[in-house]
Each structure stands twice: as C-alpha cells, then as structure tokens.
Amino acid sequence: MPRRFIRHPAAVPIQICNRGADQGTHSQQRMTHDLSAGGLSCESDQLLQPGEAVEVEIFVQPPPPFKTVGRVVWCQRQGDAYLVGIGFSDLATAYSVRMVEQICYIEQYRQRVMQEEGRDLSSEEAALEWIEQHAADFPQNVH
C-alpha cells in the first residue's frame, strides 16, 4: 500500500505516555526517528499494542511543548527496545504536527549555523533564513 504522507527524518525530543489498563501509566522520553503529517515513529522501552491511545509531547524551542493524542499504528522489536509508529487521525492535529516539524527543522538549522558558522541566530532570525532558503523545497504531503 502506498504511503499516504511523506516521512521526514528528524531527531526531536518527545515524551510518550500510555495508560494501559493492566500496567497503569507509563511515561518515557525519547527521540523521534521521523515525522510526517500523518504521525511519527520513535523508540519505546515497552511493547505497545496497535490501536492503543498514547499522549505525545513534542519538545520544541521555544517552549511550551506541543501536546496531542495519537494511536499506535505498529510496534516492532528493535534490539532491546521497540520501534513504534504513532498515527494522528484528524486534520487539525496533522496540520499542527506539520508546523511542529517545520519548527524542528528551523531549530536544527539554527544549531547548524552556530556550529558551522559561529553565528548565534535568534529563533526568529533562523526562521526567516530557513524559510528563505528551504521552504520552497520542503516536501509537500502526499495524499
């Protein structure tokens, strides 16, 4: 089956929290593997069941974090942990995740400029530069 949304590799700090009936609340901080308007993938230290609801917090700069609820789409063992796909079903959340994704790319750009060029950009300056240089090439969603 063709992918509905384009995945974009991104290492973004997140926290996922699930409330399983038999295990209580379990919260874990991780990094995303990739993001798309339809969802994200990340590692988990526990097996999560497809269809299970999870709260997701995506830590962006500047704060506060972006919070939403998603559903586990798939979960695969990967070494000592699990790789989990979390999907978002409504258009408002999908649009918000797309905006968060762009914020993450802008922050990565800001950090790269500091490391490679020694320029300390504010978030606003980095956003203006990133938009000018990269927004036209930012992949559009595939529907």
N, C-alpha and C. Protein backbone atom coordinates (compact mmCIF):
# COMPACT_ATOMS: atom_id res chain seq x y z
N MET A 1 0.85 -1.18 0.00
CA MET A 1 0.00 0.00 0.00
C MET A 1 0.89 1.24 0.00
N PRO A 2 0.65 2.20 -0.87
CA PRO A 2 1.49 3.40 -0.90
C PRO A 2 1.32 4.23 0.36
N ARG A 3 2.41 4.89 0.73
CA ARG A 3 2.42 5.74 1.91
C ARG A 3 1.56 6.97 1.66
N ARG A 4 0.75 7.33 2.62
CA ARG A 4 -0.16 8.47 2.47
C ARG A 4 0.56 9.79 2.70
N PHE A 5 1.56 9.81 3.58
CA PHE A 5 2.30 11.02 3.89
C PHE A 5 3.79 10.76 3.74
N ILE A 6 4.53 11.76 3.32
CA ILE A 6 5.98 11.65 3.20
C ILE A 6 6.59 11.69 4.59
N ARG A 7 7.54 10.78 4.86
CA ARG A 7 8.27 10.81 6.12
C ARG A 7 9.48 11.72 5.99
N HIS A 8 9.79 12.44 7.07
CA HIS A 8 10.96 13.31 7.09
C HIS A 8 11.81 12.91 8.30
N PRO A 9 13.06 12.47 8.06
CA PRO A 9 13.89 12.10 9.20
C PRO A 9 14.07 13.31 10.12
N ALA A 10 13.87 13.09 11.39
CA ALA A 10 14.02 14.18 12.36
C ALA A 10 14.23 13.59 13.74
N ALA A 11 15.27 14.03 14.42
CA ALA A 11 15.52 13.62 15.79
C ALA A 11 15.03 14.74 16.70
N VAL A 12 13.83 14.58 17.19
CA VAL A 12 13.18 15.60 18.01
C VAL A 12 12.84 14.98 19.36
N PRO A 13 13.15 15.68 20.46
CA PRO A 13 12.80 15.10 21.77
C PRO A 13 11.30 15.07 21.99
N ILE A 14 10.81 13.92 22.43
CA ILE A 14 9.39 13.76 22.72
C ILE A 14 9.22 12.96 24.00
N GLN A 15 8.02 12.97 24.49
CA GLN A 15 7.63 12.11 25.59
C GLN A 15 6.34 11.43 25.19
N ILE A 16 6.30 10.11 25.36
CA ILE A 16 5.05 9.40 25.10
C ILE A 16 4.57 8.80 26.41
N CYS A 17 3.26 8.82 26.57
CA CYS A 17 2.65 8.34 27.81
C CYS A 17 1.46 7.48 27.43
N ASN A 18 1.46 6.24 27.90
CA ASN A 18 0.31 5.38 27.66
C ASN A 18 -0.28 4.98 29.00
N ARG A 19 -1.57 4.73 28.98
CA ARG A 19 -2.28 4.37 30.21
C ARG A 19 -2.96 3.02 29.99
N GLY A 20 -2.16 1.99 30.03
CA GLY A 20 -2.71 0.64 29.88
C GLY A 20 -3.51 0.25 31.11
N ALA A 21 -4.62 -0.41 30.89
CA ALA A 21 -5.49 -0.79 32.00
C ALA A 21 -4.78 -1.70 32.99
N ASP A 22 -3.90 -2.56 32.50
CA ASP A 22 -3.27 -3.52 33.39
C ASP A 22 -1.91 -3.07 33.91
N GLN A 23 -1.31 -2.04 33.31
CA GLN A 23 0.02 -1.64 33.77
C GLN A 23 0.08 -0.23 34.34
N GLY A 24 -1.04 0.47 34.45
CA GLY A 24 -1.03 1.83 34.97
C GLY A 24 -0.48 2.79 33.93
N THR A 25 0.00 3.94 34.38
CA THR A 25 0.55 4.95 33.47
C THR A 25 2.04 4.73 33.30
N HIS A 26 2.50 4.77 32.06
CA HIS A 26 3.92 4.62 31.77
C HIS A 26 4.34 5.77 30.85
N SER A 27 5.34 6.53 31.29
CA SER A 27 5.81 7.67 30.52
C SER A 27 7.28 7.48 30.21
N GLN A 28 7.70 7.86 29.00
CA GLN A 28 9.10 7.72 28.61
C GLN A 28 9.51 8.84 27.67
N GLN A 29 10.71 9.36 27.88
CA GLN A 29 11.25 10.39 27.00
C GLN A 29 12.15 9.73 25.97
N ARG A 30 11.97 10.11 24.72
CA ARG A 30 12.69 9.51 23.59
C ARG A 30 12.97 10.58 22.55
N MET A 31 13.60 10.14 21.45
CA MET A 31 13.80 10.99 20.27
C MET A 31 13.00 10.37 19.13
N THR A 32 12.42 11.22 18.30
CA THR A 32 11.71 10.69 17.13
C THR A 32 12.73 10.17 16.13
N HIS A 33 12.28 9.23 15.30
CA HIS A 33 13.08 8.78 14.16
C HIS A 33 12.68 9.57 12.93
N ASP A 34 11.39 9.77 12.77
CA ASP A 34 10.90 10.58 11.67
C ASP A 34 9.52 11.13 12.01
N LEU A 35 9.15 12.16 11.27
CA LEU A 35 7.86 12.82 11.44
C LEU A 35 7.18 12.93 10.09
N SER A 36 5.88 12.92 10.10
CA SER A 36 5.10 13.25 8.90
C SER A 36 3.79 13.84 9.40
N ALA A 37 3.01 14.37 8.48
CA ALA A 37 1.73 14.93 8.89
C ALA A 37 0.82 13.85 9.46
N GLY A 38 1.03 12.62 9.03
CA GLY A 38 0.18 11.52 9.50
C GLY A 38 0.61 10.92 10.80
N GLY A 39 1.84 11.18 11.26
CA GLY A 39 2.30 10.58 12.50
C GLY A 39 3.79 10.72 12.70
N LEU A 40 4.33 9.85 13.54
CA LEU A 40 5.76 9.85 13.83
C LEU A 40 6.16 8.45 14.23
N SER A 41 7.46 8.22 14.23
CA SER A 41 7.97 6.97 14.78
C SER A 41 9.04 7.31 15.81
N CYS A 42 9.13 6.46 16.82
CA CYS A 42 10.10 6.65 17.89
C CYS A 42 10.35 5.31 18.56
N GLU A 43 11.34 5.27 19.43
CA GLU A 43 11.60 4.06 20.20
C GLU A 43 10.75 4.05 21.45
N SER A 44 10.52 2.86 21.94
CA SER A 44 9.80 2.66 23.20
C SER A 44 10.52 1.56 23.96
N ASP A 45 10.52 1.65 25.27
CA ASP A 45 11.14 0.58 26.05
C ASP A 45 10.14 -0.53 26.37
N GLN A 46 8.91 -0.38 25.87
CA GLN A 46 7.92 -1.42 26.10
C GLN A 46 7.09 -1.66 24.85
N LEU A 47 6.55 -2.85 24.75
CA LEU A 47 5.67 -3.21 23.65
C LEU A 47 4.36 -2.45 23.78
N LEU A 48 3.97 -1.75 22.72
CA LEU A 48 2.70 -1.04 22.69
C LEU A 48 1.82 -1.73 21.65
N GLN A 49 0.54 -1.81 21.94
CA GLN A 49 -0.39 -2.53 21.08
C GLN A 49 -1.01 -1.62 20.03
N PRO A 50 -1.08 -2.06 18.77
CA PRO A 50 -1.77 -1.27 17.75
C PRO A 50 -3.18 -0.93 18.22
N GLY A 51 -3.56 0.33 17.99
CA GLY A 51 -4.86 0.82 18.42
C GLY A 51 -4.83 1.50 19.77
N GLU A 52 -3.76 1.27 20.55
CA GLU A 52 -3.63 1.87 21.88
C GLU A 52 -3.44 3.38 21.77
N ALA A 53 -4.15 4.15 22.58
CA ALA A 53 -4.00 5.60 22.61
C ALA A 53 -2.78 5.98 23.43
N VAL A 54 -2.03 6.95 22.94
CA VAL A 54 -0.86 7.47 23.67
C VAL A 54 -0.89 8.99 23.61
N GLU A 55 -0.49 9.60 24.71
CA GLU A 55 -0.30 11.05 24.73
C GLU A 55 1.12 11.32 24.24
N VAL A 56 1.25 12.32 23.39
CA VAL A 56 2.55 12.66 22.82
C VAL A 56 2.84 14.12 23.13
N GLU A 57 4.04 14.38 23.66
CA GLU A 57 4.53 15.74 23.84
C GLU A 57 5.76 15.88 22.98
N ILE A 58 5.77 16.87 22.10
CA ILE A 58 6.93 17.14 21.25
C ILE A 58 7.57 18.41 21.78
N PHE A 59 8.84 18.29 22.20
CA PHE A 59 9.53 19.42 22.82
C PHE A 59 10.17 20.27 21.74
N VAL A 60 9.64 21.48 21.56
CA VAL A 60 10.13 22.41 20.56
C VAL A 60 10.69 23.64 21.25
N GLN A 61 11.51 24.38 20.51
CA GLN A 61 12.05 25.64 21.00
C GLN A 61 11.43 26.76 20.19
N PRO A 62 10.94 27.79 20.81
CA PRO A 62 10.82 27.97 22.25
C PRO A 62 9.64 27.17 22.81
N PRO A 63 9.67 26.92 24.15
CA PRO A 63 8.56 26.21 24.80
C PRO A 63 7.27 27.00 24.65
N PRO A 64 6.15 26.44 24.92
CA PRO A 64 5.85 25.16 25.56
C PRO A 64 5.86 24.02 24.55
N PRO A 65 5.88 22.78 25.04
CA PRO A 65 5.84 21.64 24.13
C PRO A 65 4.47 21.52 23.46
N PHE A 66 4.47 20.88 22.29
CA PHE A 66 3.24 20.59 21.57
C PHE A 66 2.70 19.27 22.12
N LYS A 67 1.42 19.24 22.52
CA LYS A 67 0.82 18.04 23.10
C LYS A 67 -0.36 17.60 22.25
N THR A 68 -0.46 16.29 22.06
CA THR A 68 -1.59 15.73 21.32
C THR A 68 -1.77 14.27 21.71
N VAL A 69 -2.80 13.66 21.19
CA VAL A 69 -3.05 12.24 21.41
C VAL A 69 -2.99 11.55 20.06
N GLY A 70 -2.33 10.41 20.03
CA GLY A 70 -2.25 9.60 18.82
C GLY A 70 -2.58 8.16 19.14
N ARG A 71 -2.56 7.33 18.13
CA ARG A 71 -2.81 5.90 18.30
C ARG A 71 -1.64 5.13 17.74
N VAL A 72 -1.27 4.06 18.44
CA VAL A 72 -0.21 3.19 17.97
C VAL A 72 -0.71 2.51 16.70
N VAL A 73 0.06 2.64 15.63
CA VAL A 73 -0.29 2.03 14.35
C VAL A 73 0.44 0.69 14.20
N TRP A 74 1.70 0.67 14.63
CA TRP A 74 2.51 -0.56 14.58
C TRP A 74 3.59 -0.48 15.65
N CYS A 75 4.12 -1.62 16.01
CA CYS A 75 5.18 -1.71 17.01
C CYS A 75 6.03 -2.93 16.67
N GLN A 76 7.34 -2.69 16.47
CA GLN A 76 8.25 -3.77 16.07
C GLN A 76 9.44 -3.81 17.01
N ARG A 77 9.83 -5.02 17.40
CA ARG A 77 11.03 -5.17 18.23
C ARG A 77 12.24 -4.71 17.44
N GLN A 78 13.12 -3.96 18.11
CA GLN A 78 14.37 -3.48 17.52
C GLN A 78 15.44 -3.55 18.61
N GLY A 79 16.18 -4.66 18.63
CA GLY A 79 17.18 -4.85 19.68
C GLY A 79 16.51 -5.03 21.02
N ASP A 80 16.93 -4.23 22.00
CA ASP A 80 16.37 -4.29 23.36
C ASP A 80 15.13 -3.42 23.53
N ALA A 81 14.72 -2.73 22.47
CA ALA A 81 13.59 -1.81 22.57
C ALA A 81 12.60 -2.12 21.44
N TYR A 82 11.70 -1.19 21.21
CA TYR A 82 10.69 -1.32 20.15
C TYR A 82 10.68 -0.04 19.33
N LEU A 83 10.44 -0.17 18.05
CA LEU A 83 10.21 0.98 17.19
C LEU A 83 8.70 1.06 17.01
N VAL A 84 8.14 2.23 17.29
CA VAL A 84 6.69 2.40 17.33
C VAL A 84 6.27 3.47 16.33
N GLY A 85 5.21 3.17 15.59
CA GLY A 85 4.59 4.16 14.72
C GLY A 85 3.33 4.68 15.39
N ILE A 86 3.25 5.98 15.52
CA ILE A 86 2.09 6.62 16.15
C ILE A 86 1.41 7.48 15.11
N GLY A 87 0.11 7.26 14.91
CA GLY A 87 -0.64 8.00 13.90
C GLY A 87 -1.56 9.03 14.51
N PHE A 88 -1.82 10.09 13.72
CA PHE A 88 -2.75 11.14 14.11
C PHE A 88 -3.88 11.13 13.09
N SER A 89 -5.11 11.15 13.57
CA SER A 89 -6.23 10.94 12.66
C SER A 89 -6.93 12.21 12.16
N ASP A 90 -6.95 13.27 12.94
CA ASP A 90 -7.72 14.43 12.49
C ASP A 90 -6.84 15.45 11.78
N LEU A 91 -7.45 16.22 10.88
CA LEU A 91 -6.71 17.18 10.06
C LEU A 91 -6.06 18.29 10.87
N ALA A 92 -6.70 18.74 11.93
CA ALA A 92 -6.13 19.81 12.75
C ALA A 92 -4.83 19.35 13.40
N THR A 93 -4.81 18.12 13.91
CA THR A 93 -3.59 17.58 14.51
C THR A 93 -2.53 17.38 13.44
N ALA A 94 -2.92 16.84 12.29
CA ALA A 94 -1.97 16.63 11.20
C ALA A 94 -1.32 17.95 10.78
N TYR A 95 -2.12 19.01 10.68
CA TYR A 95 -1.59 20.33 10.32
C TYR A 95 -0.64 20.84 11.41
N SER A 96 -1.02 20.67 12.67
CA SER A 96 -0.18 21.10 13.78
C SER A 96 1.15 20.37 13.80
N VAL A 97 1.12 19.07 13.54
CA VAL A 97 2.36 18.29 13.51
C VAL A 97 3.24 18.77 12.37
N ARG A 98 2.64 19.13 11.26
CA ARG A 98 3.41 19.67 10.12
C ARG A 98 4.11 20.97 10.53
N MET A 99 3.42 21.82 11.27
CA MET A 99 4.04 23.06 11.74
C MET A 99 5.16 22.77 12.74
N VAL A 100 4.92 21.83 13.63
CA VAL A 100 5.95 21.45 14.60
C VAL A 100 7.17 20.92 13.87
N GLU A 101 6.94 20.13 12.83
CA GLU A 101 8.04 19.60 12.04
C GLU A 101 8.89 20.72 11.46
N GLN A 102 8.25 21.76 10.93
CA GLN A 102 9.00 22.88 10.39
C GLN A 102 9.76 23.62 11.48
N ILE A 103 9.17 23.76 12.64
CA ILE A 103 9.86 24.39 13.77
C ILE A 103 11.12 23.60 14.12
N CYS A 104 11.00 22.28 14.08
CA CYS A 104 12.16 21.43 14.40
C CYS A 104 13.27 21.60 13.37
N TYR A 105 12.90 21.67 12.09
CA TYR A 105 13.91 21.90 11.05
C TYR A 105 14.58 23.26 11.24
N ILE A 106 13.82 24.27 11.60
CA ILE A 106 14.37 25.60 11.82
C ILE A 106 15.34 25.58 13.00
N GLU A 107 14.99 24.88 14.06
CA GLU A 107 15.88 24.78 15.22
C GLU A 107 17.16 24.03 14.85
N GLN A 108 17.04 22.96 14.07
CA GLN A 108 18.24 22.24 13.61
C GLN A 108 19.11 23.16 12.76
N TYR A 109 18.48 23.97 11.91
CA TYR A 109 19.20 24.93 11.09
C TYR A 109 19.94 25.94 11.97
N ARG A 110 19.24 26.46 12.99
CA ARG A 110 19.85 27.44 13.91
C ARG A 110 21.09 26.85 14.58
N GLN A 111 20.99 25.62 15.04
CA GLN A 111 22.12 24.96 15.71
C GLN A 111 23.27 24.70 14.73
N ARG A 112 22.93 24.29 13.49
CA ARG A 112 23.97 24.02 12.49
C ARG A 112 24.73 25.30 12.14
N VAL A 113 24.00 26.41 11.99
CA VAL A 113 24.64 27.69 11.67
C VAL A 113 25.58 28.09 12.80
N MET A 114 25.16 27.88 14.04
CA MET A 114 26.02 28.20 15.18
C MET A 114 27.29 27.36 15.15
N GLN A 115 27.13 26.07 14.90
CA GLN A 115 28.28 25.15 14.90
C GLN A 115 29.21 25.40 13.71
N GLU A 116 28.64 25.57 12.51
CA GLU A 116 29.46 25.67 11.31
C GLU A 116 29.96 27.08 11.02
N GLU A 117 29.15 28.09 11.36
CA GLU A 117 29.49 29.47 11.01
C GLU A 117 29.77 30.36 12.21
N GLY A 118 29.43 29.87 13.41
CA GLY A 118 29.64 30.67 14.61
C GLY A 118 28.65 31.81 14.76
N ARG A 119 27.56 31.80 13.98
CA ARG A 119 26.54 32.84 14.10
C ARG A 119 25.47 32.38 15.08
N ASP A 120 25.18 33.20 16.08
CA ASP A 120 24.17 32.89 17.09
C ASP A 120 22.86 33.57 16.69
N LEU A 121 22.03 32.84 15.97
CA LEU A 121 20.76 33.38 15.50
C LEU A 121 19.67 33.21 16.55
N SER A 122 18.79 34.19 16.63
CA SER A 122 17.58 34.01 17.44
C SER A 122 16.67 33.04 16.68
N SER A 123 15.66 32.54 17.34
CA SER A 123 14.70 31.65 16.67
C SER A 123 14.03 32.36 15.50
N GLU A 124 13.71 33.64 15.67
CA GLU A 124 13.06 34.40 14.61
C GLU A 124 14.00 34.60 13.42
N GLU A 125 15.27 34.94 13.68
CA GLU A 125 16.24 35.11 12.60
C GLU A 125 16.45 33.79 11.85
N ALA A 126 16.55 32.70 12.60
CA ALA A 126 16.73 31.39 11.97
C ALA A 126 15.52 31.05 11.11
N ALA A 127 14.32 31.36 11.60
CA ALA A 127 13.11 31.06 10.84
C ALA A 127 13.10 31.83 9.53
N LEU A 128 13.44 33.10 9.58
CA LEU A 128 13.45 33.91 8.35
C LEU A 128 14.45 33.36 7.34
N GLU A 129 15.65 33.02 7.80
CA GLU A 129 16.67 32.47 6.90
C GLU A 129 16.25 31.12 6.35
N TRP A 130 15.74 30.25 7.23
CA TRP A 130 15.35 28.90 6.79
C TRP A 130 14.23 28.98 5.76
N ILE A 131 13.24 29.81 6.03
CA ILE A 131 12.12 29.95 5.09
C ILE A 131 12.62 30.44 3.73
N GLU A 132 13.50 31.44 3.75
CA GLU A 132 14.04 31.97 2.51
C GLU A 132 14.82 30.92 1.73
N GLN A 133 15.61 30.10 2.44
CA GLN A 133 16.49 29.13 1.79
C GLN A 133 15.84 27.79 1.50
N HIS A 134 14.90 27.35 2.35
CA HIS A 134 14.46 25.96 2.27
C HIS A 134 12.95 25.73 2.13
N ALA A 135 12.14 26.71 2.39
CA ALA A 135 10.70 26.47 2.42
C ALA A 135 10.17 25.97 1.07
N ALA A 136 10.69 26.48 -0.03
CA ALA A 136 10.21 26.06 -1.35
C ALA A 136 10.53 24.59 -1.61
N ASP A 137 11.60 24.08 -0.98
CA ASP A 137 12.00 22.67 -1.17
C ASP A 137 11.41 21.74 -0.13
N PHE A 138 10.68 22.29 0.85
CA PHE A 138 10.13 21.46 1.91
C PHE A 138 9.07 20.58 1.30
N PRO A 139 9.21 19.25 1.41
CA PRO A 139 8.28 18.34 0.73
C PRO A 139 6.83 18.58 1.15
N GLN A 140 5.96 18.52 0.18
CA GLN A 140 4.53 18.63 0.44
C GLN A 140 3.99 17.27 0.79
N ASN A 141 2.91 17.22 1.51
CA ASN A 141 2.28 15.95 1.87
C ASN A 141 1.78 15.24 0.63
N VAL A 142 1.83 13.92 0.68
CA VAL A 142 1.27 13.11 -0.38
C VAL A 142 -0.09 12.62 0.11
N HIS A 143 -1.14 12.88 -0.62
CA HIS A 143 -2.48 12.45 -0.20
C HIS A 143 -2.99 11.38 -1.11
